[in-house]
Every structure is written in C-alpha cells, then in structure tokens.
Amino acid sequence: MSRPGDSMPQTPGTTPRVSVIIPALNEAARIAETIAAARAAGADEVVVVDGGSRDATIPQAAGADRV
C-alpha cells in the first residue's frame, strides 16, 4: 500500500520519466513559452489540454513542440 511521500519503485539504472499536463484556455500568447519552460525543466512529455479556446491556442501549441 502506498502512502503520500512514498517513492515509486524504480528499475536500477533508469531515470524516472516526467510528464507535464498544461491546462489551457485562450492562452495563445503564452502557450509556446509555457511549453518551452516545461521542456527546459526536463519534461519528457508535455500534454496540453485545451478547454475550448477561441483563440489560436491549439495551433500555437502544435507549432511550439511535439504536443
């Protein structure tokens, strides 16, 4: 049974993968910068979840990285 603060089991010699989930709504002006910051921090995977933006959030995110 795991408890808060317990670490996940890790295979020796491997590095844990880091996924970042970015909720977005009308964030076209900032989404590329946010994705770049997540990558710079070491994220292996970046997932952008759009909540129905009416601006260019989706194309900006798609153009910023392999989202």
C-alpha atoms as a PDB file:
ATOM      1  CA  MET A   1       0.000   0.000   0.000  1.00  0.00           C
ATOM      2  CA  SER A   2       1.470   3.354  -0.977  1.00  0.00           C
ATOM      3  CA  ARG A   3       1.164   6.472   1.099  1.00  0.00           C
ATOM      4  CA  PRO A   4       1.769  10.126   0.293  1.00  0.00           C
ATOM      5  CA  GLY A   5       5.501  10.695   0.194  1.00  0.00           C
ATOM      6  CA  ASP A   6       6.329   7.102  -0.795  1.00  0.00           C
ATOM      7  CA  SER A   7       8.571   6.944  -3.825  1.00  0.00           C
ATOM      8  CA  MET A   8       7.648   4.937  -6.889  1.00  0.00           C
ATOM      9  CA  PRO A   9       9.657   1.761  -7.459  1.00  0.00           C
ATOM     10  CA  GLN A  10      12.406   2.365  -9.971  1.00  0.00           C
ATOM     11  CA  THR A  11      14.422  -0.030 -12.083  1.00  0.00           C
ATOM     12  CA  PRO A  12      18.113   0.342 -11.231  1.00  0.00           C
ATOM     13  CA  GLY A  13      19.988   2.391 -13.799  1.00  0.00           C
ATOM     14  CA  THR A  14      16.917   4.186 -15.139  1.00  0.00           C
ATOM     15  CA  THR A  15      15.781   7.751 -14.783  1.00  0.00           C
ATOM     16  CA  PRO A  16      12.135   8.460 -13.972  1.00  0.00           C
ATOM     17  CA  ARG A  17      10.105   9.976 -16.810  1.00  0.00           C
ATOM     18  CA  VAL A  18       8.420  13.306 -16.196  1.00  0.00           C
ATOM     19  CA  SER A  19       5.102  14.269 -17.798  1.00  0.00           C
ATOM     20  CA  VAL A  20       3.665  17.776 -17.583  1.00  0.00           C
ATOM     21  CA  ILE A  21      -0.021  18.458 -18.201  1.00  0.00           C
ATOM     22  CA  ILE A  22      -0.830  22.054 -19.102  1.00  0.00           C
ATOM     23  CA  PRO A  23      -4.484  23.111 -18.861  1.00  0.00           C
ATOM     24  CA  ALA A  24      -5.134  25.934 -21.318  1.00  0.00           C
ATOM     25  CA  LEU A  25      -7.970  28.280 -22.213  1.00  0.00           C
ATOM     26  CA  ASN A  26      -7.276  31.167 -24.591  1.00  0.00           C
ATOM     27  CA  GLU A  27      -3.525  31.057 -23.914  1.00  0.00           C
ATOM     28  CA  ALA A  28      -2.244  31.652 -27.457  1.00  0.00           C
ATOM     29  CA  ALA A  29       0.011  34.482 -26.291  1.00  0.00           C
ATOM     30  CA  ARG A  30       1.753  32.325 -23.672  1.00  0.00           C
ATOM     31  CA  ILE A  31       1.405  28.645 -24.584  1.00  0.00           C
ATOM     32  CA  ALA A  32       4.650  28.316 -26.598  1.00  0.00           C
ATOM     33  CA  GLU A  33       6.633  29.910 -23.768  1.00  0.00           C
ATOM     34  CA  THR A  34       4.942  27.630 -21.227  1.00  0.00           C
ATOM     35  CA  ILE A  35       5.728  24.504 -23.259  1.00  0.00           C
ATOM     36  CA  ALA A  36       9.342  25.629 -23.710  1.00  0.00           C
ATOM     37  CA  ALA A  37       9.666  26.181 -19.948  1.00  0.00           C
ATOM     38  CA  ALA A  38       8.333  22.678 -19.241  1.00  0.00           C
ATOM     39  CA  ARG A  39      10.847  21.169 -21.678  1.00  0.00           C
ATOM     40  CA  ALA A  40      13.688  23.257 -20.226  1.00  0.00           C
ATOM     41  CA  ALA A  41      12.766  21.956 -16.762  1.00  0.00           C
ATOM     42  CA  GLY A  42      13.273  18.404 -18.023  1.00  0.00           C
ATOM     43  CA  ALA A  43       9.799  17.238 -19.024  1.00  0.00           C
ATOM     44  CA  ASP A  44       9.896  14.132 -21.204  1.00  0.00           C
ATOM     45  CA  GLU A  45       6.287  14.579 -22.246  1.00  0.00           C
ATOM     46  CA  VAL A  46       4.126  17.696 -22.482  1.00  0.00           C
ATOM     47  CA  VAL A  47       0.365  17.360 -22.800  1.00  0.00           C
ATOM     48  CA  VAL A  48      -1.732  20.459 -23.466  1.00  0.00           C
ATOM     49  CA  VAL A  49      -5.394  20.100 -22.540  1.00  0.00           C
ATOM     50  CA  ASP A  50      -7.429  22.807 -24.229  1.00  0.00           C
ATOM     51  CA  GLY A  51     -10.726  23.776 -22.650  1.00  0.00           C
ATOM     52  CA  GLY A  52     -12.363  25.159 -25.793  1.00  0.00           C
ATOM     53  CA  SER A  53     -10.150  28.122 -26.593  1.00  0.00           C
ATOM     54  CA  ARG A  54     -11.483  30.627 -29.083  1.00  0.00           C
ATOM     55  CA  ASP A  55      -8.061  31.983 -29.963  1.00  0.00           C
ATOM     56  CA  ALA A  56      -5.042  30.339 -31.592  1.00  0.00           C
ATOM     57  CA  THR A  57      -4.006  28.285 -28.553  1.00  0.00           C
ATOM     58  CA  ILE A  58      -4.182  24.943 -30.384  1.00  0.00           C
ATOM     59  CA  PRO A  59      -2.132  25.889 -33.458  1.00  0.00           C
ATOM     60  CA  GLN A  60       0.359  27.784 -31.277  1.00  0.00           C
ATOM     61  CA  ALA A  61       0.811  24.733 -29.046  1.00  0.00           C
ATOM     62  CA  ALA A  62       1.142  22.390 -32.012  1.00  0.00           C
ATOM     63  CA  GLY A  63       3.751  24.636 -33.585  1.00  0.00           C
ATOM     64  CA  ALA A  64       5.713  25.022 -30.364  1.00  0.00           C
ATOM     65  CA  ASP A  65       6.572  21.374 -29.794  1.00  0.00           C
ATOM     66  CA  ARG A  66       5.585  17.802 -30.450  1.00  0.00           C
ATOM     67  CA  VAL A  67       2.442  18.082 -28.326  1.00  0.00           C
END
